[in-house]
Amino acid sequence: MMLRSMLLVVMTASLVGTQALAWDGTNTTSGSSIEIERGQLVRSGRTIEVYDSERGYKEYDVDSIRRYGRSVEIEATDTETGKSTTLEMDGD
């Protein structure tokens, strides 16, 4: 019974811990740190919400996605300004 309770605690903690993860990266235009929250579908043609350490939450239209070694480059357009930018995301 004790083993079952401990296993339940470990499984719950691992599930809760993974839900808080985000995809970290850098806006190469501004140099600011960014995060894409878990659960967002990042695909060409979709709009994503990004947390920018300098500007807060922003929305971008995804133009293209490319993997380069251990990083992923997202070419995107700021929905507010219409300006293009590159979001370089950690690939791991």
N, C-alpha and C. Protein backbone atom coordinates (compact mmCIF):
# COMPACT_ATOMS: atom_id res chain seq x y z
N MET A 1 0.83 -1.19 0.00
CA MET A 1 0.00 0.00 0.00
C MET A 1 0.87 1.26 0.00
N MET A 2 1.94 1.26 0.79
CA MET A 2 2.85 2.40 0.86
C MET A 2 3.53 2.61 -0.49
N LEU A 3 3.93 1.54 -1.14
CA LEU A 3 4.58 1.62 -2.44
C LEU A 3 3.64 2.22 -3.48
N ARG A 4 2.38 1.82 -3.44
CA ARG A 4 1.39 2.35 -4.37
C ARG A 4 1.19 3.85 -4.17
N SER A 5 1.15 4.30 -2.93
CA SER A 5 0.99 5.73 -2.63
C SER A 5 2.19 6.53 -3.11
N MET A 6 3.38 5.99 -2.89
CA MET A 6 4.59 6.68 -3.33
C MET A 6 4.64 6.77 -4.86
N LEU A 7 4.25 5.71 -5.52
CA LEU A 7 4.23 5.70 -6.98
C LEU A 7 3.24 6.74 -7.51
N LEU A 8 2.10 6.85 -6.89
CA LEU A 8 1.10 7.84 -7.27
C LEU A 8 1.63 9.27 -7.11
N VAL A 9 2.34 9.52 -6.02
CA VAL A 9 2.92 10.84 -5.78
C VAL A 9 3.96 11.16 -6.84
N VAL A 10 4.82 10.22 -7.17
CA VAL A 10 5.86 10.43 -8.18
C VAL A 10 5.23 10.69 -9.55
N MET A 11 4.23 9.92 -9.91
CA MET A 11 3.59 10.11 -11.21
C MET A 11 2.89 11.46 -11.29
N THR A 12 2.22 11.87 -10.24
CA THR A 12 1.54 13.17 -10.21
C THR A 12 2.54 14.30 -10.32
N ALA A 13 3.63 14.21 -9.59
CA ALA A 13 4.65 15.26 -9.63
C ALA A 13 5.27 15.36 -11.02
N SER A 14 5.50 14.24 -11.68
CA SER A 14 6.10 14.29 -13.01
C SER A 14 5.15 14.89 -14.03
N LEU A 15 3.86 14.62 -13.92
CA LEU A 15 2.88 15.21 -14.83
C LEU A 15 2.73 16.70 -14.61
N VAL A 16 2.67 17.14 -13.37
CA VAL A 16 2.54 18.56 -13.06
C VAL A 16 3.79 19.30 -13.50
N GLY A 17 4.95 18.73 -13.31
CA GLY A 17 6.21 19.37 -13.69
C GLY A 17 6.33 19.57 -15.19
N THR A 18 5.84 18.62 -15.99
CA THR A 18 5.97 18.76 -17.44
C THR A 18 4.98 19.77 -18.00
N GLN A 19 3.87 20.03 -17.34
CA GLN A 19 2.89 20.98 -17.84
C GLN A 19 3.37 22.42 -17.73
N ALA A 20 4.35 22.68 -16.89
CA ALA A 20 4.84 24.04 -16.70
C ALA A 20 5.94 24.41 -17.69
N LEU A 21 6.39 23.45 -18.50
CA LEU A 21 7.49 23.69 -19.42
C LEU A 21 7.07 24.60 -20.57
N ALA A 22 8.03 25.36 -21.06
CA ALA A 22 7.82 26.21 -22.22
C ALA A 22 8.98 26.01 -23.17
N TRP A 23 8.81 26.45 -24.41
CA TRP A 23 9.86 26.38 -25.41
C TRP A 23 10.60 27.70 -25.39
N ASP A 24 11.86 27.69 -24.99
CA ASP A 24 12.65 28.91 -24.82
C ASP A 24 13.38 29.26 -26.11
N GLY A 25 13.61 30.56 -26.30
CA GLY A 25 14.34 30.99 -27.47
C GLY A 25 14.68 32.47 -27.42
N THR A 26 15.04 33.00 -28.59
CA THR A 26 15.45 34.40 -28.71
C THR A 26 14.81 35.01 -29.94
N ASN A 27 14.32 36.24 -29.81
CA ASN A 27 13.88 37.00 -30.96
C ASN A 27 15.14 37.62 -31.54
N THR A 28 15.57 37.16 -32.71
CA THR A 28 16.85 37.60 -33.25
C THR A 28 16.82 39.06 -33.72
N THR A 29 15.65 39.62 -33.94
CA THR A 29 15.55 41.02 -34.34
C THR A 29 15.82 41.95 -33.16
N SER A 30 15.20 41.64 -32.00
CA SER A 30 15.34 42.51 -30.83
C SER A 30 16.38 42.01 -29.83
N GLY A 31 16.72 40.71 -29.90
CA GLY A 31 17.67 40.12 -28.96
C GLY A 31 17.04 39.72 -27.64
N SER A 32 15.73 39.88 -27.51
CA SER A 32 15.07 39.56 -26.24
C SER A 32 14.79 38.07 -26.11
N SER A 33 14.73 37.59 -24.87
CA SER A 33 14.38 36.21 -24.59
C SER A 33 12.89 36.03 -24.78
N ILE A 34 12.50 34.87 -25.33
CA ILE A 34 11.09 34.60 -25.56
C ILE A 34 10.75 33.19 -25.08
N GLU A 35 9.45 32.97 -24.89
CA GLU A 35 8.93 31.65 -24.54
C GLU A 35 7.64 31.40 -25.28
N ILE A 36 7.51 30.19 -25.80
CA ILE A 36 6.24 29.73 -26.36
C ILE A 36 5.71 28.71 -25.37
N GLU A 37 4.54 28.97 -24.83
CA GLU A 37 3.99 28.09 -23.80
C GLU A 37 3.60 26.74 -24.37
N ARG A 38 3.73 25.74 -23.55
CA ARG A 38 3.39 24.37 -23.90
C ARG A 38 1.93 24.30 -24.35
N GLY A 39 1.70 23.46 -25.34
CA GLY A 39 0.33 23.24 -25.81
C GLY A 39 -0.02 24.00 -27.07
N GLN A 40 0.84 24.93 -27.48
CA GLN A 40 0.56 25.67 -28.71
C GLN A 40 1.07 24.89 -29.91
N LEU A 41 0.28 24.84 -30.95
CA LEU A 41 0.67 24.17 -32.18
C LEU A 41 1.40 25.17 -33.07
N VAL A 42 2.70 24.94 -33.26
CA VAL A 42 3.52 25.86 -34.05
C VAL A 42 3.68 25.26 -35.44
N ARG A 43 2.92 25.79 -36.38
CA ARG A 43 2.93 25.31 -37.77
C ARG A 43 2.80 26.51 -38.70
N SER A 44 3.32 26.39 -39.91
CA SER A 44 3.18 27.45 -40.90
C SER A 44 1.70 27.77 -41.12
N GLY A 45 1.40 29.06 -41.18
CA GLY A 45 0.02 29.49 -41.40
C GLY A 45 -0.79 29.69 -40.13
N ARG A 46 -0.25 29.31 -38.98
CA ARG A 46 -0.98 29.45 -37.71
C ARG A 46 -0.49 30.69 -36.96
N THR A 47 -1.31 31.17 -36.04
CA THR A 47 -0.94 32.28 -35.18
C THR A 47 -0.57 31.72 -33.82
N ILE A 48 0.57 32.18 -33.27
CA ILE A 48 1.03 31.72 -31.97
C ILE A 48 1.17 32.90 -31.02
N GLU A 49 1.03 32.63 -29.74
CA GLU A 49 1.25 33.64 -28.71
C GLU A 49 2.63 33.39 -28.10
N VAL A 50 3.43 34.44 -28.01
CA VAL A 50 4.80 34.34 -27.52
C VAL A 50 4.98 35.33 -26.37
N TYR A 51 5.62 34.87 -25.29
CA TYR A 51 5.96 35.80 -24.21
C TYR A 51 7.35 36.36 -24.49
N ASP A 52 7.44 37.67 -24.64
CA ASP A 52 8.69 38.38 -24.90
C ASP A 52 9.12 39.06 -23.61
N SER A 53 10.36 38.83 -23.18
CA SER A 53 10.83 39.36 -21.89
C SER A 53 10.83 40.89 -21.85
N GLU A 54 10.85 41.54 -23.02
CA GLU A 54 10.86 43.01 -23.06
C GLU A 54 9.49 43.61 -23.34
N ARG A 55 8.63 42.89 -24.08
CA ARG A 55 7.35 43.46 -24.52
C ARG A 55 6.11 42.75 -24.00
N GLY A 56 6.30 41.69 -23.22
CA GLY A 56 5.14 40.93 -22.74
C GLY A 56 4.61 40.00 -23.82
N TYR A 57 3.32 39.66 -23.75
CA TYR A 57 2.73 38.72 -24.70
C TYR A 57 2.50 39.38 -26.05
N LYS A 58 2.89 38.66 -27.12
CA LYS A 58 2.73 39.14 -28.49
C LYS A 58 2.22 37.98 -29.34
N GLU A 59 1.53 38.31 -30.42
CA GLU A 59 1.07 37.28 -31.35
C GLU A 59 1.84 37.40 -32.66
N TYR A 60 2.18 36.24 -33.21
CA TYR A 60 2.90 36.17 -34.48
C TYR A 60 2.21 35.18 -35.40
N ASP A 61 2.18 35.51 -36.70
CA ASP A 61 1.76 34.56 -37.72
C ASP A 61 3.01 33.81 -38.17
N VAL A 62 2.97 32.48 -38.13
CA VAL A 62 4.11 31.66 -38.50
C VAL A 62 4.19 31.55 -40.02
N ASP A 63 5.32 32.01 -40.59
CA ASP A 63 5.53 31.96 -42.03
C ASP A 63 6.25 30.68 -42.44
N SER A 64 7.27 30.28 -41.68
CA SER A 64 7.99 29.04 -41.98
C SER A 64 8.75 28.57 -40.75
N ILE A 65 9.11 27.29 -40.77
CA ILE A 65 9.86 26.68 -39.67
C ILE A 65 10.99 25.86 -40.28
N ARG A 66 12.21 26.03 -39.73
CA ARG A 66 13.38 25.27 -40.19
C ARG A 66 14.19 24.80 -38.99
N ARG A 67 14.67 23.57 -39.06
CA ARG A 67 15.56 23.05 -38.02
C ARG A 67 16.99 23.20 -38.48
N TYR A 68 17.83 23.77 -37.62
CA TYR A 68 19.26 23.91 -37.88
C TYR A 68 20.02 23.32 -36.71
N GLY A 69 20.52 22.09 -36.88
CA GLY A 69 21.26 21.44 -35.80
C GLY A 69 20.39 21.29 -34.57
N ARG A 70 20.78 21.96 -33.49
CA ARG A 70 20.03 21.85 -32.23
C ARG A 70 19.04 22.98 -32.02
N SER A 71 18.84 23.82 -33.01
CA SER A 71 17.88 24.91 -32.85
C SER A 71 16.84 24.86 -33.96
N VAL A 72 15.75 25.59 -33.74
CA VAL A 72 14.67 25.69 -34.71
C VAL A 72 14.43 27.16 -34.99
N GLU A 73 14.43 27.54 -36.26
CA GLU A 73 14.17 28.92 -36.64
C GLU A 73 12.74 29.05 -37.13
N ILE A 74 12.02 29.97 -36.52
CA ILE A 74 10.65 30.26 -36.92
C ILE A 74 10.64 31.65 -37.55
N GLU A 75 10.33 31.72 -38.84
CA GLU A 75 10.14 33.00 -39.51
C GLU A 75 8.69 33.38 -39.26
N ALA A 76 8.48 34.58 -38.70
CA ALA A 76 7.14 34.96 -38.30
C ALA A 76 6.88 36.44 -38.55
N THR A 77 5.60 36.80 -38.60
CA THR A 77 5.19 38.19 -38.78
C THR A 77 4.42 38.63 -37.55
N ASP A 78 4.83 39.75 -36.96
CA ASP A 78 4.16 40.34 -35.80
C ASP A 78 2.77 40.77 -36.25
N THR A 79 1.72 40.27 -35.62
CA THR A 79 0.35 40.58 -36.04
C THR A 79 -0.01 42.04 -35.78
N GLU A 80 0.67 42.68 -34.84
CA GLU A 80 0.37 44.07 -34.49
C GLU A 80 1.05 45.06 -35.45
N THR A 81 2.32 44.80 -35.76
CA THR A 81 3.09 45.76 -36.56
C THR A 81 3.25 45.35 -38.03
N GLY A 82 3.08 44.06 -38.33
CA GLY A 82 3.28 43.57 -39.69
C GLY A 82 4.74 43.34 -40.05
N LYS A 83 5.64 43.51 -39.08
CA LYS A 83 7.07 43.32 -39.33
C LYS A 83 7.46 41.86 -39.18
N SER A 84 8.39 41.44 -40.05
CA SER A 84 8.89 40.06 -40.00
C SER A 84 10.02 39.96 -38.98
N THR A 85 10.14 38.78 -38.38
CA THR A 85 11.21 38.53 -37.42
C THR A 85 11.56 37.04 -37.45
N THR A 86 12.69 36.71 -36.88
CA THR A 86 13.09 35.32 -36.73
C THR A 86 13.14 34.98 -35.25
N LEU A 87 12.46 33.91 -34.88
CA LEU A 87 12.47 33.41 -33.51
C LEU A 87 13.34 32.17 -33.51
N GLU A 88 14.47 32.24 -32.82
CA GLU A 88 15.39 31.09 -32.76
C GLU A 88 15.12 30.35 -31.46
N MET A 89 14.61 29.12 -31.60
CA MET A 89 14.17 28.34 -30.46
C MET A 89 15.14 27.20 -30.17
N ASP A 90 15.27 26.87 -28.87
CA ASP A 90 16.09 25.73 -28.46
C ASP A 90 15.45 24.47 -29.05
N GLY A 91 16.28 23.61 -29.64
CA GLY A 91 15.76 22.41 -30.28
C GLY A 91 15.57 21.24 -29.36
N ASP A 92 16.13 21.30 -28.16
CA ASP A 92 16.04 20.16 -27.23
C ASP A 92 14.80 20.20 -26.38
